[in-house]
């Protein structure tokens, strides 16, 4: 018989693994992305395939070249655990901002991460990922209709100058280590 509390804790750890991946991609933080995979983990992202390290080496330059920003959002997530192996299907909406000829375009991708994870040394990480594309659309970015002046809002940064890293620095040293 399974322990319901252990299962909840495992599912939370698995969800946070997927969230770390998304944060790492949006901040172009190789260390954060790699923290979601075991070293022998494999990613099949369509045109990008390889071990975790190979994948990240291809991914970051591609994102830097093609997009002004990205925002990966996890929606429905179902996790099935059997011992130290888990199947996690995460529905995602990824918003990519690109520009051409002075016009910005927003590409919205709807898909799923189909991940096999393992628990090793007490940590859950991805050992095999397949990305499934369900739908996508691209459209020109229109002027903002926000009540707040968008120019007054901080823009997300694709490096350690993002406000996330400043806030992380304010944590106690022991907490920073546990944040990953």
Protein backbone atom coordinates (compact mmCIF):
# COMPACT_ATOMS: atom_id res chain seq x y z
CA UNK A 1 0.00 0.00 0.00
CA UNK A 2 1.36 3.45 -0.88
CA UNK A 3 1.82 6.25 1.62
CA UNK A 4 -0.44 9.15 0.51
CA UNK A 5 1.81 11.79 2.13
CA UNK A 6 4.92 10.40 0.40
CA UNK A 7 3.04 10.42 -2.92
CA UNK A 8 2.01 14.07 -2.45
CA UNK A 9 5.58 15.08 -1.59
CA UNK A 10 6.92 13.18 -4.59
CA UNK A 11 4.37 14.80 -6.91
CA UNK A 12 5.29 18.24 -5.59
CA UNK A 13 8.99 17.54 -6.12
CA UNK A 14 8.28 16.37 -9.69
CA UNK A 15 6.16 19.45 -10.43
CA UNK A 16 8.94 21.71 -9.13
CA UNK A 17 11.42 19.91 -11.39
CA UNK A 18 9.28 20.86 -14.41
CA UNK A 19 8.90 24.44 -13.11
CA UNK A 20 12.71 24.77 -12.70
CA UNK A 21 13.12 23.74 -16.31
CA UNK A 22 10.66 26.45 -17.43
CA UNK A 23 12.35 29.11 -15.31
CA UNK A 24 15.75 28.13 -16.69
CA UNK A 25 14.55 28.33 -20.29
CA UNK A 26 12.92 31.72 -19.83
CA UNK A 27 16.00 33.15 -18.06
CA UNK A 28 18.45 31.33 -20.41
CA UNK A 29 20.03 29.85 -17.27
CA UNK A 30 21.83 26.64 -18.27
CA UNK A 31 22.39 25.59 -14.65
CA UNK A 32 18.71 25.89 -13.83
CA UNK A 33 17.69 23.92 -16.92
CA UNK A 34 20.24 21.19 -16.20
CA UNK A 35 19.02 20.95 -12.59
CA UNK A 36 15.81 19.42 -13.97
CA UNK A 37 17.65 16.51 -15.65
CA UNK A 38 19.95 13.78 -14.54
CA UNK A 39 23.25 13.98 -16.40
CA UNK A 40 22.27 11.03 -18.58
CA UNK A 41 18.82 12.52 -19.24
CA UNK A 42 17.64 12.86 -22.82
CA UNK A 43 15.43 15.52 -24.46
CA UNK A 44 13.56 15.17 -27.76
CA UNK A 45 12.39 18.68 -28.62
CA UNK A 46 11.88 17.95 -32.31
CA UNK A 47 14.69 19.80 -34.08
CA UNK A 48 16.75 19.69 -30.88
CA UNK A 49 17.60 16.26 -29.51
CA UNK A 50 20.29 14.95 -27.22
CA UNK A 51 21.49 14.39 -23.71
CA UNK A 52 20.61 17.14 -21.26
CA UNK A 53 24.00 18.79 -21.79
CA UNK A 54 23.83 18.56 -25.58
CA UNK A 55 20.27 19.85 -25.58
CA UNK A 56 21.13 22.91 -23.47
CA UNK A 57 24.18 23.68 -25.63
CA UNK A 58 21.84 23.84 -28.66
CA UNK A 59 18.86 25.46 -26.94
CA UNK A 60 20.29 28.61 -25.38
CA UNK A 61 21.95 29.99 -28.55
CA UNK A 62 18.83 29.17 -30.57
CA UNK A 63 16.53 31.00 -28.11
CA UNK A 64 18.91 33.96 -27.91
CA UNK A 65 19.00 34.20 -31.73
CA UNK A 66 15.31 33.69 -32.50
CA UNK A 67 13.39 35.27 -29.61
CA UNK A 68 13.30 38.50 -27.62
CA UNK A 69 11.64 36.66 -24.74
CA UNK A 70 9.87 33.43 -23.85
CA UNK A 71 7.36 32.53 -21.17
CA UNK A 72 6.67 28.85 -20.47
CA UNK A 73 3.52 28.12 -18.48
CA UNK A 74 2.51 24.74 -17.06
CA UNK A 75 -1.21 24.02 -17.02
CA UNK A 76 -2.74 20.60 -16.32
CA UNK A 77 -0.25 18.13 -14.94
CA UNK A 78 -0.81 14.44 -14.30
CA UNK A 79 1.83 12.41 -12.51
CA UNK A 80 1.87 8.63 -12.16
CA UNK A 81 4.43 7.17 -9.76
CA UNK A 82 5.57 3.57 -9.47
CA UNK A 83 8.35 3.24 -6.93
CA UNK A 84 11.28 5.40 -8.06
CA UNK A 85 9.95 5.96 -11.60
CA UNK A 86 7.33 8.49 -12.66
CA UNK A 87 5.46 9.48 -15.80
CA UNK A 88 4.55 13.15 -15.88
CA UNK A 89 2.41 14.72 -18.60
CA UNK A 90 2.49 18.52 -18.36
CA UNK A 91 0.29 20.60 -20.64
CA UNK A 92 2.06 23.81 -21.56
CA UNK A 93 1.49 27.16 -23.15
CA UNK A 94 4.72 28.77 -24.32
CA UNK A 95 4.67 32.37 -25.50
CA UNK A 96 7.59 33.42 -27.69
CA UNK A 97 8.21 37.05 -28.68
CA UNK A 98 10.17 37.72 -31.85
CA UNK A 99 10.71 40.75 -34.05
CA UNK A 100 11.20 41.48 -37.71
CA UNK A 101 11.38 44.78 -39.56
CA UNK A 102 10.35 46.80 -36.53
CA UNK A 103 7.28 44.64 -35.89
CA UNK A 104 7.04 42.29 -32.90
CA UNK A 105 5.29 38.95 -33.27
CA UNK A 106 3.94 36.65 -30.60
CA UNK A 107 4.04 32.92 -31.22
CA UNK A 108 1.93 30.88 -28.82
CA UNK A 109 2.65 27.17 -28.64
CA UNK A 110 0.25 24.70 -27.02
CA UNK A 111 1.70 21.32 -26.26
CA UNK A 112 2.82 18.80 -23.70
CA UNK A 113 5.97 17.65 -22.01
CA UNK A 114 5.83 13.88 -21.68
CA UNK A 115 8.51 13.11 -19.11
CA UNK A 116 9.87 9.98 -17.52
CA UNK A 117 11.52 10.86 -14.25
CA UNK A 118 13.46 8.85 -11.73
CA UNK A 119 14.23 9.35 -8.08
CA UNK A 120 17.94 8.95 -7.48
CA UNK A 121 19.62 9.89 -4.23
CA UNK A 122 16.29 11.25 -3.02
CA UNK A 123 15.91 13.67 -5.98
CA UNK A 124 13.41 13.50 -8.83
CA UNK A 125 14.77 14.54 -12.22
CA UNK A 126 13.95 13.98 -15.87
CA UNK A 127 15.58 11.00 -17.59
CA UNK A 128 13.61 11.21 -20.86
CA UNK A 129 11.47 13.98 -22.31
CA UNK A 130 9.42 14.11 -25.50
CA UNK A 131 7.80 17.41 -26.46
CA UNK A 132 4.43 17.09 -28.19
CA UNK A 133 3.07 19.97 -30.26
CA UNK A 134 -0.72 20.18 -30.19
CA UNK A 135 -1.24 23.62 -31.78
CA UNK A 136 0.40 26.98 -32.33
CA UNK A 137 -0.37 30.40 -33.73
CA UNK A 138 1.58 33.55 -34.54
CA UNK A 139 0.26 37.08 -34.72
CA UNK A 140 1.56 40.65 -34.68
CA UNK A 141 1.79 42.30 -31.27
CA UNK A 142 -0.76 45.09 -30.93
CA UNK A 143 -0.31 48.18 -28.74
CA UNK A 144 -0.89 47.44 -25.06
CA UNK A 145 -4.29 48.04 -23.47
CA UNK A 146 -3.03 47.62 -19.91
CA UNK A 147 -4.40 50.09 -17.37
CA UNK A 148 -0.80 50.50 -16.20
CA UNK A 149 1.73 52.09 -18.55
CA UNK A 150 3.70 49.08 -19.85
CA UNK A 151 6.82 51.25 -20.14
CA UNK A 152 6.76 51.58 -16.33
CA UNK A 153 6.80 47.83 -15.73
CA UNK A 154 10.07 45.91 -15.45
CA UNK A 155 10.77 43.69 -18.42
CA UNK A 156 11.88 40.15 -17.79
CA UNK A 157 15.58 39.67 -18.41
CA UNK A 158 17.13 36.61 -20.00
CA UNK A 159 20.06 36.44 -17.60
CA UNK A 160 20.95 36.96 -13.94
CA UNK A 161 19.96 40.65 -14.09
CA UNK A 162 16.31 39.50 -13.88
CA UNK A 163 14.64 40.59 -10.59
CA UNK A 164 14.33 36.90 -9.60
CA UNK A 165 18.07 36.66 -8.97
CA UNK A 166 18.15 39.85 -6.85
CA UNK A 167 15.31 38.52 -4.70
CA UNK A 168 17.07 35.17 -4.41
CA UNK A 169 20.21 36.96 -3.13
CA UNK A 170 18.14 38.38 -0.27
CA UNK A 171 17.36 34.90 1.05
CA UNK A 172 19.46 33.51 3.87
CA UNK A 173 22.46 31.55 2.42
CA UNK A 174 21.06 28.20 3.53
CA UNK A 175 17.74 28.94 1.86
CA UNK A 176 19.39 29.87 -1.44
CA UNK A 177 20.97 26.43 -1.66
CA UNK A 178 17.59 24.81 -1.01
CA UNK A 179 15.86 26.95 -3.64
CA UNK A 180 17.10 24.67 -6.42
